[in-house]
Amino acid sequence: MTPAARVQAAIEILDRVVAAARDNGPPADRIVTEYFRTRRFAGSKDRRAVRELAYRAIRACGPVPETGRAAMLRLARDDAALLSLFDGSRHAPGPPADGEPVADAGIAPRWLAARLAKSGIGGAEAAALLERAPLDVRVNTLREAVADLPEGAEKTVAPHGWRYPPETRIEQSEAFAAGAIEVQDTGSQLACLAVGAQPGEAVIDLCAGAGGKTLALAAAMAGTGTLLACDTDRARLSRLAPRAARAGATMIETLLLDPGRERVALAGWRERADAVLIDAPCSGTGTWRRNPEARWRLDDSRLGRFADVQARLLEIGAELVRPGGRLVYVTCSLLDEEGPDRIAAFLAASEGWRAEPPALPAGRDRGDGIRLTPAHDGTDGFFIARLTRV
């Protein structure tokens, strides 16, 4: 592909990303994969270059752009070399027309940027949300130590965390194939550290998804005790079993929950758990480094629905914790309404609980919990609160 043809391909991908954001369609990474599935002529260098262009354009736009071309023209406004490729040659985009729409720059749609600023995320803190994320891994202590990690790693503040450049193909390494390392952001590793899971305990991961945090909890428990991974998404939860087998986490049990009937399925666990982790569904504002188009999918009503779910999960999780046990609430959001405000409301409405912010090697106090941000901590954005039943 010529450089100009790469630009046109990125524009076509962006058109699909914009449409998906408006219609709640597939994420950008899946759109890119599907686009090249039917274009076998594009080599690996072409695919990487087109993907990079598309994601640079996504990050350059604040509100949802009108079209993929408008998004690319926003990027080209600050890149003369890129603008010169709009030359109308074969397989190239045509030259810009006078008055042609150009997408607006910004961190996010204006209403959402204002919401973040109200939560203390503005300026450099906000800009860092759209930087490219590194690739972090966690050494799996359930497997025998690997003599040599893949080259290029730097230690992170997480006890078993290492960091690689974003483009590292860690899944092709021997260590990954052997289950000796797991891909996991340092912030996510610290969220698991806050649980304080110990060997022999009974621990519940209430929103396990595909099990990334569940596997970290299993390692912290040295593969002993009881670890229950729950979720309402059958497809995501089904991915945990092969991951657990590769990691040697044989003590994990899974439980598929019926939305709205979680208490029925978990009745036998009432007041039995030493610790419950709630990795609650949220806006994902802390993960824009990896999914920058996610900021185009939010609106006020969706945030309201997240708040309702978060409140209900806190109520359900609290019922499962034994006296003296721990309830750890985590969101990958930097909006106060999904973090400190949610915990404050729970504590105001619930007797017999006290907040004990975890002692973590990164983060800053925010309300009754700890906040991690890309700018301050080099992690995805997280809010982490740890509550003890008294």
Protein backbone atom coordinates (compact mmCIF):
# COMPACT_ATOMS: atom_id res chain seq x y z
CA MET A 1 0.00 0.00 0.00
CA THR A 2 1.19 3.53 -0.71
CA PRO A 3 1.26 6.03 2.18
CA ALA A 4 -1.81 7.74 0.70
CA ALA A 5 -3.65 4.44 0.38
CA ARG A 6 -2.94 3.77 4.04
CA VAL A 7 -4.59 7.09 4.91
CA GLN A 8 -7.68 6.16 2.88
CA ALA A 9 -7.86 2.75 4.58
CA ALA A 10 -7.67 4.43 7.99
CA ILE A 11 -10.51 6.76 6.97
CA GLU A 12 -12.66 3.77 6.00
CA ILE A 13 -11.95 2.14 9.37
CA LEU A 14 -12.76 5.38 11.17
CA ASP A 15 -16.12 5.59 9.40
CA ARG A 16 -16.96 2.21 10.89
CA VAL A 17 -15.68 3.18 14.33
CA VAL A 18 -17.82 6.32 14.33
CA ALA A 19 -20.91 4.35 13.26
CA ALA A 20 -20.24 1.72 15.94
CA ALA A 21 -19.87 4.38 18.62
CA ARG A 22 -23.26 5.84 17.71
CA ASP A 23 -25.03 2.49 17.41
CA ASN A 24 -23.27 0.60 20.25
CA GLY A 25 -21.50 -1.59 17.71
CA PRO A 26 -18.22 -3.52 18.03
CA PRO A 27 -15.07 -1.95 19.55
CA ALA A 28 -12.39 -0.40 17.38
CA ASP A 29 -9.89 -3.27 17.69
CA ARG A 30 -12.46 -5.73 16.38
CA ILE A 31 -13.36 -3.37 13.53
CA VAL A 32 -9.71 -3.16 12.50
CA THR A 33 -9.38 -6.95 12.57
CA GLU A 34 -12.52 -7.45 10.47
CA TYR A 35 -11.44 -4.78 7.98
CA PHE A 36 -8.20 -6.57 7.15
CA ARG A 37 -9.76 -10.01 7.18
CA THR A 38 -11.11 -9.31 3.69
CA ARG A 39 -8.02 -7.43 2.51
CA ARG A 40 -5.35 -10.08 2.39
CA PHE A 41 -3.21 -7.95 0.08
CA ALA A 42 -2.26 -5.68 3.01
CA GLY A 43 1.03 -6.77 4.56
CA SER A 44 1.88 -6.64 8.26
CA LYS A 45 3.59 -3.26 7.92
CA ASP A 46 0.55 -1.87 6.15
CA ARG A 47 -1.79 -3.18 8.83
CA ARG A 48 0.30 -1.70 11.64
CA ALA A 49 0.59 1.67 9.87
CA VAL A 50 -3.15 1.88 9.15
CA ARG A 51 -4.06 0.88 12.69
CA GLU A 52 -1.69 3.47 14.12
CA LEU A 53 -3.17 6.18 11.90
CA ALA A 54 -6.73 5.28 12.87
CA TYR A 55 -5.97 5.31 16.59
CA ARG A 56 -4.02 8.58 16.34
CA ALA A 57 -7.08 10.15 14.72
CA ILE A 58 -9.41 8.76 17.39
CA ARG A 59 -7.22 10.24 20.12
CA ALA A 60 -7.08 13.60 18.33
CA CYS A 61 -10.87 14.08 18.37
CA GLY A 62 -12.86 15.14 21.42
CA PRO A 63 -16.53 14.84 20.43
CA VAL A 64 -17.67 12.12 18.02
CA PRO A 65 -16.55 13.24 14.54
CA GLU A 66 -19.07 13.48 11.71
CA THR A 67 -17.06 11.09 9.52
CA GLY A 68 -13.80 9.23 9.40
CA ARG A 69 -12.48 11.77 6.95
CA ALA A 70 -13.29 14.62 9.35
CA ALA A 71 -11.37 12.75 12.04
CA MET A 72 -8.34 12.27 9.80
CA LEU A 73 -8.40 15.92 8.72
CA ARG A 74 -8.26 16.88 12.40
CA LEU A 75 -5.07 14.85 12.72
CA ALA A 76 -3.71 16.29 9.46
CA ARG A 77 -4.16 19.88 10.66
CA ASP A 78 -1.08 19.43 12.81
CA ASP A 79 0.81 17.18 10.39
CA ALA A 80 1.77 18.74 7.06
CA ALA A 81 3.20 15.47 5.74
CA LEU A 82 -0.09 13.71 6.42
CA LEU A 83 -2.11 16.52 4.83
CA SER A 84 -0.02 16.26 1.64
CA LEU A 85 -1.29 12.68 1.19
CA PHE A 86 -4.81 14.01 0.56
CA ASP A 87 -3.85 14.36 -3.10
CA GLY A 88 -6.62 12.52 -4.99
CA SER A 89 -4.23 9.99 -6.53
CA ARG A 90 -5.20 6.34 -7.01
CA HIS A 91 -6.49 4.83 -3.72
CA ALA A 92 -5.84 8.17 -1.97
CA PRO A 93 -8.28 10.57 -0.28
CA GLY A 94 -9.19 13.67 -2.26
CA PRO A 95 -7.87 17.13 -1.40
CA PRO A 96 -9.69 19.02 1.36
CA ALA A 97 -12.44 21.34 0.13
CA ASP A 98 -13.02 24.84 1.41
CA GLY A 99 -15.27 24.70 4.45
CA GLU A 100 -15.14 20.91 4.67
CA PRO A 101 -16.00 19.62 8.16
CA VAL A 102 -13.04 18.94 10.42
CA ALA A 103 -13.57 17.14 13.73
CA ASP A 104 -13.12 19.11 16.95
CA ALA A 105 -10.11 18.42 19.13
CA GLY A 106 -10.37 17.73 22.85
CA ILE A 107 -10.08 15.13 25.57
CA ALA A 108 -13.70 13.98 25.29
CA PRO A 109 -17.15 15.30 24.42
CA ARG A 110 -17.50 18.64 26.23
CA TRP A 111 -20.03 17.46 28.81
CA LEU A 112 -17.80 14.52 29.74
CA ALA A 113 -14.63 16.61 29.89
CA ALA A 114 -16.46 18.94 32.30
CA ARG A 115 -17.54 15.96 34.41
CA LEU A 116 -13.94 14.78 34.63
CA ALA A 117 -12.72 18.25 35.54
CA LYS A 118 -15.26 18.35 38.36
CA SER A 119 -13.72 15.08 39.58
CA GLY A 120 -10.24 16.59 39.58
CA ILE A 121 -9.13 15.27 36.19
CA GLY A 122 -8.10 18.14 33.95
CA GLY A 123 -5.02 19.53 32.23
CA ALA A 124 -2.11 17.08 32.15
CA GLU A 125 -4.12 14.50 34.11
CA ALA A 126 -6.79 14.49 31.41
CA ALA A 127 -4.33 14.56 28.50
CA ALA A 128 -2.57 11.46 29.86
CA LEU A 129 -5.80 9.49 29.50
CA LEU A 130 -5.23 9.41 25.74
CA GLU A 131 -1.55 8.49 25.68
CA ARG A 132 -0.62 5.07 24.41
CA ALA A 133 -0.49 2.52 27.23
CA PRO A 134 2.50 0.25 27.88
CA LEU A 135 2.12 -3.50 28.16
CA ASP A 136 2.25 -4.73 31.75
CA VAL A 137 2.53 -8.34 32.90
CA ARG A 138 2.26 -10.13 36.22
CA VAL A 139 4.59 -13.01 37.05
CA ASN A 140 2.41 -15.96 38.01
CA THR A 141 3.70 -17.35 41.29
CA LEU A 142 1.62 -20.51 40.86
CA ARG A 143 4.07 -21.61 38.17
CA GLU A 144 7.75 -22.29 38.60
CA ALA A 145 9.88 -19.20 38.28
CA VAL A 146 11.05 -18.43 34.77
CA ALA A 147 14.81 -17.90 34.57
CA ASP A 148 14.50 -15.18 31.96
CA LEU A 149 11.54 -12.96 31.20
CA PRO A 150 11.29 -11.79 27.59
CA GLU A 151 13.80 -9.00 26.99
CA GLY A 152 12.88 -5.35 27.43
CA ALA A 153 11.11 -5.51 30.80
CA GLU A 154 11.22 -2.87 33.53
CA LYS A 155 10.01 -3.52 37.08
CA THR A 156 6.79 -1.81 38.17
CA VAL A 157 5.61 -0.95 41.68
CA ALA A 158 3.40 -4.05 41.78
CA PRO A 159 5.11 -6.92 43.66
CA HIS A 160 5.14 -9.20 40.62
CA GLY A 161 4.73 -6.62 37.86
CA TRP A 162 6.90 -5.91 34.83
CA ARG A 163 6.44 -3.43 31.98
CA TYR A 164 7.15 -3.70 28.25
CA PRO A 165 6.77 -1.30 25.31
CA PRO A 166 3.25 -1.24 23.81
CA GLU A 167 4.16 -3.14 20.66
CA THR A 168 5.67 -6.14 22.50
CA ARG A 169 4.18 -9.45 21.30
CA ILE A 170 4.24 -11.06 24.70
CA GLU A 171 1.75 -13.79 23.75
CA GLN A 172 4.41 -15.30 21.49
CA SER A 173 6.91 -15.74 24.34
CA GLU A 174 7.71 -19.05 26.03
CA ALA A 175 6.92 -17.54 29.42
CA PHE A 176 3.38 -16.67 28.34
CA ALA A 177 2.79 -20.05 26.74
CA ALA A 178 3.93 -21.75 29.96
CA GLY A 179 1.50 -19.71 32.07
CA ALA A 180 4.38 -18.06 33.90
CA ILE A 181 3.17 -14.54 33.12
CA GLU A 182 -0.22 -12.93 32.60
CA VAL A 183 -0.96 -9.66 30.80
CA GLN A 184 -2.37 -7.29 33.44
CA ASP A 185 -2.09 -3.54 33.92
CA THR A 186 -0.19 -2.51 37.04
CA GLY A 187 -3.27 -0.69 38.35
CA SER A 188 -5.29 -3.87 38.05
CA GLN A 189 -2.56 -5.76 39.92
CA LEU A 190 -2.69 -3.19 42.72
CA ALA A 191 -6.47 -3.50 42.91
CA CYS A 192 -6.00 -7.21 43.57
CA LEU A 193 -3.30 -6.44 46.14
CA ALA A 194 -5.86 -4.32 48.00
CA VAL A 195 -8.02 -7.42 48.56
CA GLY A 196 -5.31 -8.91 50.77
CA ALA A 197 -6.31 -12.45 49.77
CA GLN A 198 -4.49 -15.07 51.86
CA PRO A 199 -3.90 -18.82 51.41
CA GLY A 200 -6.81 -20.86 52.73
CA GLU A 201 -9.36 -18.04 52.67
CA ALA A 202 -12.79 -17.98 51.05
CA VAL A 203 -12.81 -15.22 48.44
CA ILE A 204 -15.44 -14.16 45.91
CA ASP A 205 -14.73 -12.24 42.70
CA LEU A 206 -18.27 -10.97 42.12
CA CYS A 207 -17.71 -9.47 38.65
CA ALA A 208 -14.99 -11.75 37.33
CA GLY A 209 -15.47 -11.28 33.60
CA ALA A 210 -12.80 -13.29 31.79
CA GLY A 211 -10.91 -13.72 35.05
CA GLY A 212 -7.83 -11.49 34.95
CA LYS A 213 -8.21 -10.41 38.58
CA THR A 214 -9.41 -13.88 39.59
CA LEU A 215 -6.10 -15.35 38.46
CA ALA A 216 -4.17 -12.75 40.45
CA LEU A 217 -6.23 -13.59 43.54
CA ALA A 218 -5.55 -17.30 43.02
CA ALA A 219 -1.81 -16.61 42.96
CA ALA A 220 -2.04 -14.50 46.14
CA MET A 221 -3.85 -17.42 47.80
CA ALA A 222 -1.07 -19.81 46.70
CA GLY A 223 -3.70 -21.96 45.01
CA THR A 224 -5.34 -22.92 48.31
CA GLY A 225 -8.68 -22.10 49.89
CA THR A 226 -11.87 -21.34 47.97
CA LEU A 227 -12.08 -18.80 45.15
CA LEU A 228 -15.46 -18.24 43.49
CA ALA A 229 -15.57 -16.34 40.20
CA CYS A 230 -19.00 -14.97 39.30
CA ASP A 231 -20.39 -13.08 36.34
CA THR A 232 -23.62 -12.57 34.39
CA ASP A 233 -21.86 -12.81 31.00
CA ARG A 234 -21.61 -16.46 29.95
CA ALA A 235 -19.21 -15.80 27.06
CA ARG A 236 -16.73 -13.84 29.16
CA LEU A 237 -16.86 -16.23 32.11
CA SER A 238 -16.29 -19.21 29.81
CA ARG A 239 -12.86 -17.80 28.91
CA LEU A 240 -11.67 -18.20 32.49
CA ALA A 241 -11.38 -22.02 32.50
CA PRO A 242 -8.66 -22.31 29.82
CA ARG A 243 -6.80 -19.35 31.33
CA ALA A 244 -6.93 -20.93 34.79
CA ALA A 245 -5.66 -24.24 33.42
CA ARG A 246 -2.70 -22.52 31.75
CA ALA A 247 -1.97 -20.60 34.97
CA GLY A 248 -2.25 -23.66 37.22
CA ALA A 249 -5.08 -22.08 39.22
CA THR A 250 -6.99 -25.30 39.85
CA MET A 251 -8.95 -24.13 42.90
CA ILE A 252 -11.15 -21.62 41.06
CA GLU A 253 -14.87 -22.30 40.91
CA THR A 254 -17.18 -20.41 38.56
CA LEU A 255 -20.80 -19.38 38.97
CA LEU A 256 -22.91 -17.89 36.18
CA LEU A 257 -25.36 -15.39 37.67
CA ASP A 258 -28.80 -14.47 36.40
CA PRO A 259 -29.12 -10.66 36.36
CA GLY A 260 -31.57 -9.59 39.02
CA ARG A 261 -31.43 -12.98 40.75
CA GLU A 262 -27.86 -12.91 42.03
CA ARG A 263 -28.94 -13.22 45.66
CA VAL A 264 -30.71 -16.51 44.94
CA ALA A 265 -27.61 -18.08 43.38
CA LEU A 266 -25.36 -16.78 46.18
CA ALA A 267 -27.67 -17.58 49.12
CA GLY A 268 -25.33 -20.30 50.39
CA TRP A 269 -22.48 -17.78 50.63
CA ARG A 270 -24.24 -15.30 52.88
CA GLU A 271 -21.80 -14.02 55.57
CA ARG A 272 -19.22 -16.69 54.65
CA ALA A 273 -16.62 -14.87 52.58
CA ASP A 274 -13.39 -13.57 54.05
CA ALA A 275 -13.18 -11.11 51.16
CA VAL A 276 -15.39 -10.04 48.26
CA LEU A 277 -14.01 -8.15 45.28
CA ILE A 278 -16.44 -6.02 43.27
CA ASP A 279 -14.80 -4.94 40.01
CA ALA A 280 -17.94 -3.05 39.09
CA PRO A 281 -19.18 -2.25 35.58
CA CYS A 282 -18.45 1.41 34.92
CA SER A 283 -17.80 4.09 32.32
CA GLY A 284 -14.21 2.93 31.78
CA THR A 285 -12.87 6.49 31.77
CA GLY A 286 -9.63 5.17 33.23
CA THR A 287 -8.99 2.86 30.26
CA TRP A 288 -9.10 5.34 27.38
CA ARG A 289 -5.39 4.75 26.70
CA ARG A 290 -6.41 1.32 25.42
CA ASN A 291 -9.93 2.07 24.18
CA PRO A 292 -10.00 5.75 23.19
CA GLU A 293 -13.25 5.46 21.24
CA ALA A 294 -15.04 4.38 24.43
CA ARG A 295 -15.44 8.04 25.39
CA TRP A 296 -17.76 8.48 22.40
CA ARG A 297 -20.15 5.82 23.71
CA LEU A 298 -21.11 7.47 26.98
CA ASP A 299 -24.07 9.66 27.84
CA ASP A 300 -25.71 10.79 31.06
CA SER A 301 -28.35 8.07 31.03
CA ARG A 302 -25.74 5.34 30.65
CA LEU A 303 -23.77 6.73 33.57
CA GLY A 304 -26.96 6.65 35.60
CA ARG A 305 -27.47 2.97 34.77
CA PHE A 306 -23.90 2.21 35.84
CA ALA A 307 -24.54 3.97 39.16
CA ASP A 308 -27.62 1.84 39.80
CA VAL A 309 -25.72 -1.37 39.08
CA GLN A 310 -22.79 -0.31 41.27
CA ALA A 311 -25.07 0.44 44.21
CA ARG A 312 -26.83 -2.91 43.85
CA LEU A 313 -23.56 -4.84 43.64
CA LEU A 314 -22.30 -3.20 46.81
CA GLU A 315 -25.46 -4.33 48.60
CA ILE A 316 -25.12 -7.88 47.28
CA GLY A 317 -21.40 -8.09 48.04
CA ALA A 318 -21.86 -6.77 51.57
CA GLU A 319 -24.30 -9.58 52.36
CA LEU A 320 -21.65 -12.18 51.52
CA VAL A 321 -18.92 -10.89 53.85
CA ARG A 322 -18.45 -12.50 57.27
CA PRO A 323 -17.98 -10.29 60.35
CA GLY A 324 -14.42 -8.99 60.24
CA GLY A 325 -14.22 -9.67 56.50
CA ARG A 326 -13.36 -7.31 53.65
CA LEU A 327 -15.33 -5.75 50.82
CA VAL A 328 -13.16 -4.25 48.07
CA TYR A 329 -14.81 -2.00 45.50
CA VAL A 330 -12.95 -1.19 42.28
CA THR A 331 -13.86 0.79 39.18
CA CYS A 332 -11.67 1.67 36.21
CA SER A 333 -13.32 5.10 36.27
CA LEU A 334 -12.05 8.51 37.33
CA LEU A 335 -15.50 10.02 37.78
CA ASP A 336 -16.25 10.67 41.44
CA GLU A 337 -19.86 9.56 40.97
CA GLU A 338 -18.60 6.04 40.24
CA GLY A 339 -15.97 6.01 42.98
CA PRO A 340 -15.82 8.03 46.19
CA ASP A 341 -19.43 9.23 45.90
CA ARG A 342 -20.63 5.65 45.51
CA ILE A 343 -18.73 4.50 48.62
CA ALA A 344 -19.90 7.51 50.64
CA ALA A 345 -23.51 6.68 49.78
CA PHE A 346 -23.02 3.03 50.75
CA LEU A 347 -21.44 3.90 54.11
CA ALA A 348 -24.19 6.42 54.86
CA ALA A 349 -26.87 3.78 54.23
CA SER A 350 -25.14 0.74 55.77
CA GLU A 351 -24.39 0.12 59.43
CA GLY A 352 -21.46 -1.98 60.58
CA TRP A 353 -18.92 -0.96 57.96
CA ARG A 354 -15.81 1.20 58.07
CA ALA A 355 -13.49 2.34 55.31
CA GLU A 356 -9.85 1.32 55.54
CA PRO A 357 -8.06 2.66 52.46
CA PRO A 358 -5.47 0.07 51.39
CA ALA A 359 -1.77 0.79 51.78
CA LEU A 360 -0.63 0.61 48.17
CA PRO A 361 2.74 1.55 46.65
CA ALA A 362 1.05 4.05 44.30
CA GLY A 363 -2.01 6.27 44.16
CA ARG A 364 -3.47 9.18 46.13
CA ASP A 365 -6.33 9.47 48.58
CA ARG A 366 -9.71 10.22 47.06
CA GLY A 367 -12.65 10.20 49.43
CA ASP A 368 -12.64 6.92 51.35
CA GLY A 369 -10.40 5.21 48.82
CA ILE A 370 -7.34 5.44 46.59
CA ARG A 371 -7.16 6.84 43.07
CA LEU A 372 -4.63 5.73 40.45
CA THR A 373 -4.14 7.77 37.27
CA PRO A 374 -1.99 7.45 34.14
CA ALA A 375 -0.33 10.84 34.73
CA HIS A 376 0.54 10.33 38.40
CA ASP A 377 1.04 6.57 38.62
CA GLY A 378 1.65 5.34 35.08
CA THR A 379 -1.29 2.94 35.35
CA ASP A 380 -4.79 2.83 33.99
CA GLY A 381 -7.18 4.98 35.99
CA PHE A 382 -8.72 3.23 39.01
CA PHE A 383 -10.64 3.99 42.17
CA ILE A 384 -10.10 1.39 44.91
CA ALA A 385 -11.91 1.29 48.24
CA ARG A 386 -11.54 -1.31 50.97
CA LEU A 387 -14.27 -1.68 53.59
CA THR A 388 -14.25 -3.87 56.69
CA ARG A 389 -17.34 -5.35 58.30
CA VAL A 390 -17.18 -4.63 62.02
